[in-house]
N, C-alpha and C. Protein backbone atom coordinates (compact mmCIF):
# COMPACT_ATOMS: atom_id res chain seq x y z
N MET A 1 -4.91 -45.65 -25.08
CA MET A 1 -5.17 -44.30 -24.64
C MET A 1 -4.72 -43.29 -25.69
N LYS A 2 -3.50 -43.49 -26.20
CA LYS A 2 -2.99 -42.56 -27.20
C LYS A 2 -3.80 -42.63 -28.48
N SER A 3 -4.28 -43.82 -28.83
CA SER A 3 -5.08 -43.93 -30.06
C SER A 3 -6.41 -43.22 -29.91
N THR A 4 -6.98 -43.21 -28.71
CA THR A 4 -8.23 -42.49 -28.46
C THR A 4 -8.00 -40.99 -28.61
N ILE A 5 -6.93 -40.49 -28.06
CA ILE A 5 -6.61 -39.07 -28.17
C ILE A 5 -6.38 -38.69 -29.63
N LYS A 6 -5.67 -39.53 -30.34
CA LYS A 6 -5.43 -39.26 -31.76
C LYS A 6 -6.73 -39.28 -32.55
N SER A 7 -7.63 -40.20 -32.22
CA SER A 7 -8.92 -40.27 -32.91
C SER A 7 -9.75 -39.02 -32.66
N VAL A 8 -9.77 -38.58 -31.41
CA VAL A 8 -10.53 -37.37 -31.06
C VAL A 8 -9.91 -36.16 -31.75
N ALA A 9 -8.60 -36.05 -31.74
CA ALA A 9 -7.93 -34.92 -32.39
C ALA A 9 -8.21 -34.91 -33.89
N LEU A 10 -8.19 -36.09 -34.50
CA LEU A 10 -8.48 -36.18 -35.93
C LEU A 10 -9.92 -35.78 -36.22
N ALA A 11 -10.85 -36.24 -35.40
CA ALA A 11 -12.26 -35.89 -35.59
C ALA A 11 -12.47 -34.38 -35.46
N VAL A 12 -11.83 -33.78 -34.47
CA VAL A 12 -11.94 -32.32 -34.28
C VAL A 12 -11.33 -31.59 -35.47
N ALA A 13 -10.20 -32.08 -35.95
CA ALA A 13 -9.53 -31.43 -37.08
C ALA A 13 -10.38 -31.49 -38.34
N VAL A 14 -11.20 -32.52 -38.48
CA VAL A 14 -12.05 -32.65 -39.66
C VAL A 14 -13.33 -31.84 -39.50
N VAL A 15 -13.92 -31.83 -38.31
CA VAL A 15 -15.21 -31.19 -38.09
C VAL A 15 -15.10 -29.67 -38.01
N VAL A 16 -14.09 -29.13 -37.38
CA VAL A 16 -13.98 -27.68 -37.18
C VAL A 16 -13.96 -26.91 -38.50
N PRO A 17 -13.16 -27.28 -39.50
CA PRO A 17 -13.22 -26.54 -40.76
C PRO A 17 -14.58 -26.63 -41.45
N ALA A 18 -15.23 -27.77 -41.35
CA ALA A 18 -16.55 -27.92 -41.97
C ALA A 18 -17.56 -26.98 -41.33
N ILE A 19 -17.51 -26.84 -40.02
CA ILE A 19 -18.42 -25.94 -39.32
C ILE A 19 -18.11 -24.49 -39.68
N SER A 20 -16.85 -24.14 -39.79
CA SER A 20 -16.50 -22.75 -40.09
C SER A 20 -16.95 -22.35 -41.49
N PHE A 21 -16.96 -23.26 -42.43
CA PHE A 21 -17.42 -22.94 -43.78
C PHE A 21 -18.93 -22.83 -43.85
N ALA A 22 -19.64 -23.40 -42.91
CA ALA A 22 -21.10 -23.37 -42.92
C ALA A 22 -21.66 -22.05 -42.39
N GLN A 23 -20.82 -21.19 -41.85
CA GLN A 23 -21.27 -19.93 -41.29
C GLN A 23 -21.74 -18.99 -42.40
N PRO A 24 -22.88 -18.32 -42.22
CA PRO A 24 -23.33 -17.35 -43.22
C PRO A 24 -22.44 -16.11 -43.20
N SER A 25 -22.33 -15.48 -44.33
CA SER A 25 -21.51 -14.28 -44.43
C SER A 25 -22.30 -13.08 -43.94
N ASN A 26 -21.73 -12.34 -43.01
CA ASN A 26 -22.36 -11.13 -42.50
C ASN A 26 -21.68 -9.89 -43.08
N ALA A 27 -20.92 -10.08 -44.13
CA ALA A 27 -20.20 -8.97 -44.74
C ALA A 27 -21.20 -8.02 -45.41
N PRO A 28 -20.92 -6.73 -45.39
CA PRO A 28 -21.81 -5.78 -46.06
C PRO A 28 -21.77 -5.99 -47.57
N LEU A 29 -22.84 -5.56 -48.23
CA LEU A 29 -22.91 -5.69 -49.68
C LEU A 29 -21.95 -4.72 -50.34
N THR A 30 -21.43 -5.11 -51.48
CA THR A 30 -20.59 -4.22 -52.26
C THR A 30 -21.47 -3.28 -53.08
N HIS A 31 -20.88 -2.25 -53.61
CA HIS A 31 -21.62 -1.31 -54.45
C HIS A 31 -22.21 -2.03 -55.66
N THR A 32 -21.46 -2.93 -56.24
CA THR A 32 -21.93 -3.68 -57.40
C THR A 32 -23.14 -4.54 -57.04
N GLN A 33 -23.12 -5.18 -55.88
CA GLN A 33 -24.25 -6.01 -55.46
C GLN A 33 -25.50 -5.17 -55.23
N VAL A 34 -25.34 -3.99 -54.63
CA VAL A 34 -26.47 -3.11 -54.40
C VAL A 34 -27.05 -2.65 -55.73
N ARG A 35 -26.19 -2.31 -56.67
CA ARG A 35 -26.63 -1.87 -58.00
C ARG A 35 -27.39 -3.00 -58.71
N GLU A 36 -26.89 -4.23 -58.62
CA GLU A 36 -27.57 -5.37 -59.24
C GLU A 36 -28.95 -5.58 -58.63
N GLN A 37 -29.06 -5.42 -57.31
CA GLN A 37 -30.37 -5.57 -56.67
C GLN A 37 -31.33 -4.49 -57.13
N LEU A 38 -30.85 -3.26 -57.26
CA LEU A 38 -31.69 -2.17 -57.73
C LEU A 38 -32.17 -2.42 -59.15
N ILE A 39 -31.29 -2.91 -60.00
CA ILE A 39 -31.67 -3.22 -61.38
C ILE A 39 -32.74 -4.31 -61.40
N GLN A 40 -32.59 -5.33 -60.57
CA GLN A 40 -33.60 -6.39 -60.50
C GLN A 40 -34.95 -5.83 -60.06
N LEU A 41 -34.94 -4.95 -59.07
CA LEU A 41 -36.19 -4.35 -58.60
C LEU A 41 -36.83 -3.49 -59.68
N GLU A 42 -36.02 -2.73 -60.41
CA GLU A 42 -36.56 -1.90 -61.48
C GLU A 42 -37.16 -2.77 -62.58
N ARG A 43 -36.52 -3.88 -62.90
CA ARG A 43 -37.07 -4.79 -63.92
C ARG A 43 -38.37 -5.43 -63.44
N ALA A 44 -38.54 -5.54 -62.12
CA ALA A 44 -39.76 -6.12 -61.56
C ALA A 44 -40.86 -5.08 -61.40
N GLY A 45 -40.59 -3.84 -61.84
CA GLY A 45 -41.63 -2.82 -61.84
C GLY A 45 -41.47 -1.71 -60.83
N TYR A 46 -40.44 -1.72 -60.02
CA TYR A 46 -40.24 -0.67 -59.03
C TYR A 46 -39.55 0.52 -59.67
N ASN A 47 -40.06 1.72 -59.40
CA ASN A 47 -39.46 2.94 -59.92
C ASN A 47 -39.06 3.80 -58.72
N PRO A 48 -37.76 3.88 -58.41
CA PRO A 48 -37.34 4.64 -57.23
C PRO A 48 -37.56 6.15 -57.37
N ALA A 49 -37.70 6.64 -58.58
CA ALA A 49 -37.88 8.08 -58.79
C ALA A 49 -39.35 8.50 -58.64
N ARG A 50 -40.26 7.55 -58.68
CA ARG A 50 -41.68 7.87 -58.60
C ARG A 50 -42.02 8.27 -57.16
N LYS A 51 -42.72 9.36 -57.05
CA LYS A 51 -43.14 9.82 -55.72
C LYS A 51 -44.62 9.46 -55.58
N ASP A 52 -44.87 8.52 -54.70
CA ASP A 52 -46.26 8.13 -54.48
C ASP A 52 -46.47 7.77 -53.01
N ASN A 53 -47.71 7.58 -52.68
CA ASN A 53 -48.05 7.26 -51.30
C ASN A 53 -48.01 5.76 -51.02
N MET A 54 -47.63 4.98 -52.01
CA MET A 54 -47.63 3.52 -51.87
C MET A 54 -46.21 2.99 -51.67
N TYR A 55 -45.30 3.82 -51.13
CA TYR A 55 -43.89 3.43 -51.06
C TYR A 55 -43.64 2.04 -50.51
N PRO A 56 -44.03 1.71 -49.33
CA PRO A 56 -43.63 0.38 -48.87
C PRO A 56 -44.27 -0.73 -49.70
N ALA A 57 -45.49 -0.53 -50.12
CA ALA A 57 -46.19 -1.59 -50.85
C ALA A 57 -45.56 -1.85 -52.21
N ASP A 58 -45.16 -0.79 -52.93
CA ASP A 58 -44.63 -1.03 -54.28
C ASP A 58 -43.26 -1.69 -54.26
N ILE A 59 -42.39 -1.32 -53.34
CA ILE A 59 -41.08 -1.98 -53.30
C ILE A 59 -41.21 -3.40 -52.76
N GLN A 60 -42.12 -3.62 -51.82
CA GLN A 60 -42.32 -4.97 -51.31
C GLN A 60 -42.89 -5.89 -52.39
N ALA A 61 -43.77 -5.36 -53.22
CA ALA A 61 -44.31 -6.15 -54.32
C ALA A 61 -43.21 -6.50 -55.31
N ALA A 62 -42.34 -5.54 -55.61
CA ALA A 62 -41.23 -5.81 -56.53
C ALA A 62 -40.27 -6.83 -55.92
N GLU A 63 -40.00 -6.72 -54.63
CA GLU A 63 -39.13 -7.70 -53.97
C GLU A 63 -39.74 -9.09 -54.02
N ALA A 64 -41.06 -9.18 -53.84
CA ALA A 64 -41.74 -10.48 -53.91
C ALA A 64 -41.64 -11.07 -55.31
N ARG A 65 -41.79 -10.22 -56.34
CA ARG A 65 -41.67 -10.71 -57.72
C ARG A 65 -40.25 -11.20 -58.00
N VAL A 66 -39.25 -10.46 -57.52
CA VAL A 66 -37.85 -10.87 -57.71
C VAL A 66 -37.60 -12.19 -56.99
N ALA A 67 -38.10 -12.32 -55.76
CA ALA A 67 -37.91 -13.56 -55.00
C ALA A 67 -38.59 -14.74 -55.68
N ALA A 68 -39.81 -14.52 -56.19
CA ALA A 68 -40.52 -15.60 -56.87
C ALA A 68 -39.79 -16.02 -58.14
N LYS A 69 -39.26 -15.04 -58.86
CA LYS A 69 -38.52 -15.35 -60.07
C LYS A 69 -37.23 -16.10 -59.73
N SER A 70 -36.56 -15.69 -58.67
CA SER A 70 -35.32 -16.36 -58.25
C SER A 70 -35.60 -17.80 -57.83
N GLU A 71 -36.69 -18.02 -57.11
CA GLU A 71 -37.06 -19.37 -56.70
C GLU A 71 -37.39 -20.23 -57.91
N ALA A 72 -38.12 -19.67 -58.86
CA ALA A 72 -38.48 -20.43 -60.06
C ALA A 72 -37.24 -20.75 -60.88
N THR A 73 -36.34 -19.80 -61.00
CA THR A 73 -35.10 -20.01 -61.75
C THR A 73 -34.23 -21.03 -61.04
N GLY A 74 -34.12 -20.93 -59.73
CA GLY A 74 -33.32 -21.88 -58.96
C GLY A 74 -33.88 -23.29 -59.04
N ALA A 75 -35.19 -23.43 -58.94
CA ALA A 75 -35.81 -24.75 -59.02
C ALA A 75 -35.67 -25.34 -60.41
N ALA A 76 -35.78 -24.48 -61.43
CA ALA A 76 -35.65 -24.98 -62.80
C ALA A 76 -34.23 -25.38 -63.12
N SER A 77 -33.25 -24.63 -62.61
CA SER A 77 -31.86 -24.94 -62.94
C SER A 77 -31.34 -26.15 -62.18
N THR A 78 -31.87 -26.40 -60.97
CA THR A 78 -31.40 -27.55 -60.21
C THR A 78 -32.24 -28.79 -60.45
N GLY A 79 -33.45 -28.60 -60.94
CA GLY A 79 -34.33 -29.73 -61.15
C GLY A 79 -34.97 -30.21 -59.86
N VAL A 80 -34.79 -29.44 -58.79
CA VAL A 80 -35.36 -29.79 -57.50
C VAL A 80 -36.46 -28.80 -57.19
N GLY A 81 -37.53 -29.24 -56.59
CA GLY A 81 -38.53 -28.27 -56.21
C GLY A 81 -39.85 -28.80 -56.40
């Protein structure tokens, strides 16, 4: 009986920290992270100072280009994909 309790306690002690590390971070972005994202969007062709009627489309296109580049870079660096 005691060995069963010890086994269960040990299993819980091992599993709980693993689950807690798997949680996604919901922390807000830092100023530096926001600035880096803006720089990436500008390099992908987005101009925040431009006043045009295509606002949602132009930033979404830049975000898609950044995401595609990130996926290509990630797949190339890991060799998976």
